[in-house]
Amino acid sequence: MSDLPAYHDLPRRAGLPASWGVWRDEGTDVFGCLNMLTPERIVEAARLVRRGAVFALNWDMRLPDPPLFDRRPFEHEVTGGATGTSHDDVLHGWNTQSSSQWDGFRHIRNHAALADEPGTGHYGAVADDDHGMHHWARRGIVGRAVLADIGRWRDGIGRPLRHDESDPIEPDELAECLAAQGTELHEGDVLLMRTGWIGWYQAQPDDVRARLAQTQHLRTPGLRSGERLAEVLWDLHIAAIGCDNPAVEVWPPGALSTPEHEAEVRADRRRLHEIFTHTLLLPMLGLPLGEMWDLEALAADCAADGRYECFFTSAPINLPAGVASPPNALAIK
């Protein structure tokens, strides 16, 4: 039994369930669900290391190429001449969300909360520039992780995901997949969800990649957006979720709605959570979202040995007031 409230028992802010203040100690609102990563849970998670097999979850920083969502590619300059004593790296125009990433709490605000408490709209009503990746970096993100290999499970039941379409994964399919794997999720776990999108992307020719980089053409599978998704993920009481697709949820927002409903929502940004659950998960529930993580090697190993749990570490960049960060994540079995 958990001491945390169920989704429908959470206090409400701007009419929406919110976990603001659920962790009452001073400073906890910059961590949200990461507060569940207690020292006791970290010690227990460390016992999962049996073989010393390490899986790095960061994708190649240059991928996707071209970047998605109208982000610009960075230029990698190596300083120092061919006969010099040393080299340095200089990254020009680097966007922290151009490849594998954590979405931090500065990334998304909720417009209903912003209207209710002007000047914020971010998790815990913390001021915009008081959030930042430096909080997570100085704490570190360590604990037990569990992989839900949705892509392999959907293949096995004859409903393979369509990686070039807005193919929805129903929130309740997470539990079905975990049950099929014989995997139990515990409170405070980091949930890893593999769709197979990265493996699919890497097999695509340049012309397909170029088309995907045009936001109006980008279609990807993901969790079905809506309040049911927020309810399911909160009630799992996970510390964070890291996925291999570009947006955790299906893309684009509104792809599964009627045109009339999408138009209504876009006309009133306070309802944006109805088609884009980021606006509940990050600013209202405090659930960190990982996107475009390379889970291919880990998933293959889990399928081979039947163990879908691992020791997990992540060291975000220590950037004060940073919006996002590469996860620098490791899964260790």
Protein backbone atom coordinates (compact mmCIF):
# COMPACT_ATOMS: atom_id res chain seq x y z
CA MET A 1 0.00 0.00 0.00
CA SER A 2 1.23 3.47 -0.84
CA ASP A 3 1.09 6.54 1.37
CA LEU A 4 0.68 8.65 -1.75
CA PRO A 5 -2.84 9.67 -2.78
CA ALA A 6 -4.50 8.18 -5.83
CA TYR A 7 -4.88 10.47 -8.84
CA HIS A 8 -8.49 11.35 -8.07
CA ASP A 9 -7.61 12.08 -4.44
CA LEU A 10 -4.90 14.60 -5.26
CA PRO A 11 -5.51 18.22 -4.26
CA ARG A 12 -6.64 20.41 -7.13
CA ARG A 13 -4.97 23.43 -8.59
CA ALA A 14 -6.79 25.43 -11.24
CA GLY A 15 -9.36 22.63 -11.26
CA LEU A 16 -6.79 19.91 -12.09
CA PRO A 17 -5.26 17.17 -9.91
CA ALA A 18 -1.79 18.26 -8.82
CA SER A 19 0.88 16.77 -6.57
CA TRP A 20 2.10 20.19 -5.45
CA GLY A 21 2.93 19.95 -1.77
CA VAL A 22 2.52 16.16 -1.55
CA TRP A 23 6.16 16.07 -0.44
CA ARG A 24 6.17 18.60 2.32
CA ASP A 25 9.85 19.15 3.07
CA GLU A 26 11.35 22.46 1.99
CA GLY A 27 12.75 22.37 -1.54
CA THR A 28 10.95 19.22 -2.64
CA ASP A 29 8.92 21.00 -5.32
CA VAL A 30 11.95 21.17 -7.59
CA PHE A 31 12.09 17.36 -7.62
CA GLY A 32 8.46 16.28 -7.95
CA CYS A 33 8.21 12.50 -8.28
CA LEU A 34 11.99 12.18 -7.96
CA ASN A 35 11.34 12.56 -4.23
CA MET A 36 10.41 8.88 -4.31
CA LEU A 37 14.05 7.93 -4.95
CA THR A 38 14.88 7.46 -1.28
CA PRO A 39 18.21 6.18 0.08
CA GLU A 40 16.50 2.94 1.13
CA ARG A 41 15.20 2.33 -2.39
CA ILE A 42 18.60 3.09 -3.89
CA VAL A 43 20.29 0.54 -1.61
CA GLU A 44 17.69 -2.07 -2.58
CA ALA A 45 18.10 -1.28 -6.28
CA ALA A 46 21.87 -1.73 -6.08
CA ARG A 47 21.28 -5.39 -5.21
CA LEU A 48 19.97 -5.93 -8.76
CA VAL A 49 23.50 -5.85 -10.16
CA ARG A 50 24.43 -9.48 -10.80
CA ARG A 51 26.46 -9.67 -14.02
CA GLY A 52 27.98 -6.22 -14.25
CA ALA A 53 26.39 -5.71 -17.68
CA VAL A 54 26.16 -1.98 -18.44
CA PHE A 55 23.81 -0.46 -21.01
CA ALA A 56 24.30 3.20 -21.92
CA LEU A 57 20.93 4.75 -22.81
CA ASN A 58 22.06 7.99 -24.47
CA TRP A 59 21.60 7.98 -28.25
CA ASP A 60 24.27 9.35 -30.57
CA MET A 61 24.16 13.13 -29.95
CA ARG A 62 24.02 13.72 -33.72
CA LEU A 63 20.74 11.83 -34.05
CA PRO A 64 18.09 12.33 -35.15
CA ASP A 65 19.60 13.96 -38.22
CA PRO A 66 18.14 16.38 -39.15
CA PRO A 67 16.80 17.21 -35.66
CA LEU A 68 13.05 17.04 -35.04
CA PHE A 69 10.63 19.78 -33.95
CA ASP A 70 12.38 22.54 -35.92
CA ARG A 71 15.47 22.34 -33.71
CA ARG A 72 18.73 23.22 -35.42
CA PRO A 73 21.72 20.91 -35.77
CA PHE A 74 24.78 21.87 -33.76
CA GLU A 75 28.26 22.34 -35.12
CA HIS A 76 31.09 20.44 -33.44
CA GLU A 77 34.32 22.41 -33.50
CA VAL A 78 37.54 20.76 -32.30
CA THR A 79 40.07 23.42 -31.38
CA GLY A 80 43.83 23.11 -31.71
CA GLY A 81 45.89 22.36 -34.79
CA ALA A 82 47.16 19.04 -36.09
CA THR A 83 50.48 19.45 -34.27
CA GLY A 84 49.17 21.16 -31.13
CA THR A 85 49.43 19.75 -27.63
CA SER A 86 45.72 19.67 -26.91
CA HIS A 87 42.21 19.83 -28.34
CA ASP A 88 38.98 21.24 -26.91
CA ASP A 89 35.38 20.69 -27.98
CA VAL A 90 33.14 23.63 -28.80
CA LEU A 91 29.49 22.95 -29.61
CA HIS A 92 27.89 25.79 -31.55
CA GLY A 93 24.11 26.03 -31.43
CA TRP A 94 23.65 22.90 -29.31
CA ASN A 95 20.06 22.31 -28.15
CA THR A 96 19.86 20.12 -25.03
CA GLN A 97 16.71 18.50 -26.45
CA SER A 98 18.03 17.63 -29.89
CA SER A 99 18.70 13.98 -28.95
CA SER A 100 18.20 11.83 -25.82
CA GLN A 101 16.81 14.10 -23.13
CA TRP A 102 15.11 14.68 -19.85
CA ASP A 103 12.30 17.22 -20.03
CA GLY A 104 12.75 19.37 -16.94
CA PHE A 105 10.02 21.26 -15.13
CA ARG A 106 10.85 24.52 -16.94
CA HIS A 107 10.06 22.91 -20.29
CA ILE A 108 6.24 22.95 -20.05
CA ARG A 109 3.80 25.15 -18.15
CA ASN A 110 0.10 24.59 -17.60
CA HIS A 111 -1.98 27.55 -18.80
CA ALA A 112 -4.84 26.87 -16.38
CA ALA A 113 -2.37 27.06 -13.49
CA LEU A 114 -0.79 30.15 -15.04
CA ALA A 115 -4.19 31.86 -15.16
CA ASP A 116 -4.91 30.81 -11.58
CA GLU A 117 -1.53 31.96 -10.22
CA PRO A 118 -0.05 34.50 -12.68
CA GLY A 119 3.68 34.44 -13.10
CA THR A 120 4.30 30.72 -12.86
CA GLY A 121 2.32 27.81 -14.34
CA HIS A 122 5.22 25.47 -13.61
CA TYR A 123 5.34 22.59 -11.14
CA GLY A 124 4.65 23.54 -7.55
CA ALA A 125 4.05 27.20 -8.50
CA VAL A 126 7.85 27.55 -8.45
CA ALA A 127 9.00 30.64 -10.34
CA ASP A 128 10.11 29.94 -13.89
CA ASP A 129 13.83 30.48 -13.44
CA ASP A 130 13.90 28.86 -9.98
CA HIS A 131 13.40 25.47 -11.64
CA GLY A 132 16.40 24.04 -13.41
CA MET A 133 18.36 20.88 -14.25
CA HIS A 134 20.95 21.82 -11.65
CA HIS A 135 18.61 20.62 -8.91
CA TRP A 136 18.38 17.15 -10.44
CA ALA A 137 22.09 17.11 -11.30
CA ARG A 138 23.19 17.88 -7.76
CA ARG A 139 20.93 15.16 -6.37
CA GLY A 140 21.47 12.54 -9.08
CA ILE A 141 18.78 10.17 -10.31
CA VAL A 142 19.39 6.65 -9.02
CA GLY A 143 17.13 3.69 -8.32
CA ARG A 144 15.42 0.64 -9.75
CA ALA A 145 14.28 0.74 -13.37
CA VAL A 146 11.84 -1.56 -15.10
CA LEU A 147 11.56 -1.94 -18.86
CA ALA A 148 8.15 -2.29 -20.51
CA ASP A 149 9.04 -3.52 -23.99
CA ILE A 150 5.82 -2.44 -25.65
CA GLY A 151 7.26 -2.84 -29.12
CA ARG A 152 8.25 -6.49 -28.66
CA TRP A 153 5.02 -7.28 -26.79
CA ARG A 154 2.86 -5.73 -29.51
CA ASP A 155 4.78 -7.74 -32.11
CA GLY A 156 4.10 -10.89 -30.10
CA ILE A 157 0.35 -10.38 -29.94
CA GLY A 158 0.06 -9.59 -33.64
CA ARG A 159 -0.46 -5.82 -33.36
CA PRO A 160 2.94 -4.36 -34.27
CA LEU A 161 3.37 -0.64 -33.78
CA ARG A 162 3.41 1.49 -36.90
CA HIS A 163 6.44 3.66 -36.34
CA ASP A 164 5.62 6.18 -39.05
CA GLU A 165 2.07 6.78 -37.87
CA SER A 166 0.30 8.30 -34.85
CA ASP A 167 -0.28 4.80 -33.52
CA PRO A 168 -1.66 4.96 -29.96
CA ILE A 169 -0.51 2.84 -27.05
CA GLU A 170 -3.39 2.72 -24.61
CA PRO A 171 -2.27 3.64 -21.07
CA ASP A 172 -3.65 0.37 -19.72
CA GLU A 173 -1.44 -1.55 -22.15
CA LEU A 174 1.50 -0.73 -19.89
CA ALA A 175 0.10 -3.07 -17.23
CA GLU A 176 -0.72 -5.72 -19.86
CA CYS A 177 2.83 -5.63 -21.20
CA LEU A 178 4.40 -5.82 -17.74
CA ALA A 179 2.16 -8.75 -16.82
CA ALA A 180 3.10 -10.60 -20.01
CA GLN A 181 6.77 -10.10 -19.15
CA GLY A 182 6.19 -11.33 -15.59
CA THR A 183 7.46 -7.96 -14.34
CA GLU A 184 6.33 -6.18 -11.19
CA LEU A 185 6.56 -2.41 -10.91
CA HIS A 186 7.31 -0.95 -7.47
CA GLU A 187 6.65 2.49 -6.08
CA GLY A 188 9.55 4.81 -6.84
CA ASP A 189 10.73 2.89 -9.92
CA VAL A 190 11.87 4.53 -13.13
CA LEU A 191 9.71 3.13 -15.92
CA LEU A 192 11.45 2.61 -19.25
CA MET A 193 9.16 2.16 -22.25
CA ARG A 194 10.47 0.84 -25.56
CA THR A 195 8.41 1.26 -28.71
CA GLY A 196 11.18 0.31 -31.14
CA TRP A 197 11.08 3.77 -32.75
CA ILE A 198 14.84 4.37 -32.54
CA GLY A 199 15.65 1.05 -34.18
CA TRP A 200 13.13 1.86 -36.90
CA TYR A 201 14.52 5.37 -37.40
CA GLN A 202 18.08 4.15 -37.77
CA ALA A 203 16.99 1.89 -40.61
CA GLN A 204 15.43 4.76 -42.59
CA PRO A 205 17.10 6.36 -45.63
CA ASP A 206 18.06 10.02 -45.72
CA ASP A 207 14.93 11.13 -47.58
CA VAL A 208 12.64 9.66 -44.91
CA ARG A 209 14.68 11.26 -42.14
CA ALA A 210 14.51 14.62 -43.90
CA ARG A 211 10.74 14.34 -44.14
CA LEU A 212 10.40 13.48 -40.45
CA ALA A 213 12.35 16.62 -39.59
CA GLN A 214 9.52 18.68 -41.11
CA THR A 215 7.20 18.99 -38.13
CA GLN A 216 4.06 19.02 -40.27
CA HIS A 217 4.98 15.54 -41.53
CA LEU A 218 6.14 13.97 -38.25
CA ARG A 219 3.94 11.10 -37.05
CA THR A 220 5.06 8.76 -34.28
CA PRO A 221 3.52 6.15 -32.00
CA GLY A 222 3.23 6.86 -28.30
CA LEU A 223 0.96 6.71 -25.30
CA ARG A 224 -2.54 7.95 -26.02
CA SER A 225 -2.83 11.52 -24.78
CA GLY A 226 -5.49 12.57 -22.32
CA GLU A 227 -6.27 12.60 -18.63
CA ARG A 228 -6.46 8.81 -18.50
CA LEU A 229 -2.73 8.73 -19.26
CA ALA A 230 -2.02 11.12 -16.39
CA GLU A 231 -4.15 9.01 -14.06
CA VAL A 232 -2.45 5.72 -14.99
CA LEU A 233 1.10 7.06 -14.73
CA TRP A 234 0.45 8.81 -11.41
CA ASP A 235 -1.27 5.79 -9.90
CA LEU A 236 1.76 3.65 -10.80
CA HIS A 237 3.67 5.96 -8.42
CA ILE A 238 6.79 5.89 -10.57
CA ALA A 239 9.63 8.37 -10.08
CA ALA A 240 10.05 9.08 -13.80
CA ILE A 241 9.46 7.61 -17.25
CA GLY A 242 12.03 7.30 -20.03
CA CYS A 243 10.98 6.33 -23.55
CA ASP A 244 12.60 5.77 -26.94
CA ASN A 245 10.06 7.73 -28.98
CA PRO A 246 10.21 11.50 -29.57
CA ALA A 247 7.43 12.67 -27.23
CA VAL A 248 6.48 9.84 -24.82
CA GLU A 249 2.90 10.33 -26.01
CA VAL A 250 1.60 9.99 -29.53
CA TRP A 251 2.62 12.72 -31.97
CA PRO A 252 1.27 15.12 -33.10
CA PRO A 253 -1.03 16.39 -30.33
CA GLY A 254 -4.61 16.13 -31.46
CA ALA A 255 -3.87 13.42 -34.01
CA LEU A 256 -6.43 11.12 -32.35
CA SER A 257 -9.04 13.84 -31.73
CA THR A 258 -11.82 15.03 -33.96
CA PRO A 259 -10.99 18.26 -35.81
CA GLU A 260 -13.73 20.01 -33.83
CA HIS A 261 -12.33 18.93 -30.46
CA GLU A 262 -8.77 19.85 -31.43
CA ALA A 263 -9.92 23.29 -32.58
CA GLU A 264 -11.75 23.89 -29.28
CA VAL A 265 -8.70 22.94 -27.25
CA ARG A 266 -6.29 25.03 -29.27
CA ALA A 267 -8.61 28.00 -28.85
CA ASP A 268 -8.37 27.66 -25.04
CA ARG A 269 -4.87 26.68 -23.89
CA ARG A 270 -6.20 25.92 -20.41
CA ARG A 271 -7.59 22.72 -21.98
CA LEU A 272 -4.38 21.75 -23.74
CA HIS A 273 -3.97 18.71 -21.47
CA GLU A 274 -6.87 17.09 -23.31
CA ILE A 275 -4.65 16.53 -26.35
CA PHE A 276 -1.13 17.03 -24.93
CA THR A 277 -0.58 15.33 -21.59
CA HIS A 278 2.85 16.92 -21.09
CA THR A 279 0.83 19.84 -19.67
CA LEU A 280 -0.38 17.59 -16.83
CA LEU A 281 2.59 15.29 -16.34
CA LEU A 282 5.30 17.91 -15.95
CA PRO A 283 3.69 21.04 -14.39
CA MET A 284 0.88 19.41 -12.38
CA LEU A 285 2.18 15.96 -11.38
CA GLY A 286 5.93 16.59 -11.39
CA LEU A 287 6.73 13.48 -13.43
CA PRO A 288 10.05 13.78 -15.33
CA LEU A 289 9.78 12.68 -18.97
CA GLY A 290 12.64 11.09 -20.89
CA GLU A 291 12.52 11.05 -24.68
CA MET A 292 14.52 9.44 -27.49
CA TRP A 293 16.48 7.12 -25.21
CA ASP A 294 18.31 4.25 -26.88
CA LEU A 295 16.76 1.18 -25.26
CA GLU A 296 17.59 -1.32 -28.04
CA ALA A 297 20.52 -3.17 -26.46
CA LEU A 298 18.89 -3.23 -23.02
CA ALA A 299 15.64 -4.59 -24.47
CA ALA A 300 17.46 -7.34 -26.37
CA ASP A 301 19.27 -8.39 -23.18
CA CYS A 302 16.05 -8.37 -21.15
CA ALA A 303 14.31 -10.52 -23.77
CA ALA A 304 17.24 -12.95 -23.69
CA ASP A 305 17.47 -13.44 -19.91
CA GLY A 306 13.85 -12.70 -18.93
CA ARG A 307 14.88 -10.04 -16.38
CA TYR A 308 13.32 -6.64 -17.07
CA GLU A 309 14.61 -4.88 -13.95
CA CYS A 310 17.96 -3.16 -13.45
CA PHE A 311 19.93 -0.68 -11.40
CA PHE A 312 19.56 2.76 -12.97
CA THR A 313 21.62 5.93 -12.78
CA SER A 314 21.28 9.28 -14.52
CA ALA A 315 23.50 12.37 -14.18
CA PRO A 316 21.87 15.39 -15.86
CA ILE A 317 24.09 18.34 -16.71
CA ASN A 318 24.60 20.78 -13.84
CA LEU A 319 23.17 23.77 -15.70
CA PRO A 320 21.56 26.34 -13.37
CA ALA A 321 18.01 27.13 -14.55
CA GLY A 322 18.47 24.59 -17.37
CA VAL A 323 15.30 23.53 -19.18
CA ALA A 324 16.42 20.04 -20.21
CA SER A 325 19.44 17.73 -20.32
CA PRO A 326 20.81 14.61 -21.91
CA PRO A 327 20.06 11.87 -19.37
CA ASN A 328 23.59 10.42 -19.21
CA ALA A 329 21.72 7.30 -18.11
CA LEU A 330 23.02 3.80 -17.41
CA ALA A 331 21.11 0.57 -16.84
CA ILE A 332 23.18 -2.03 -14.99
CA LYS A 333 22.25 -5.70 -14.61
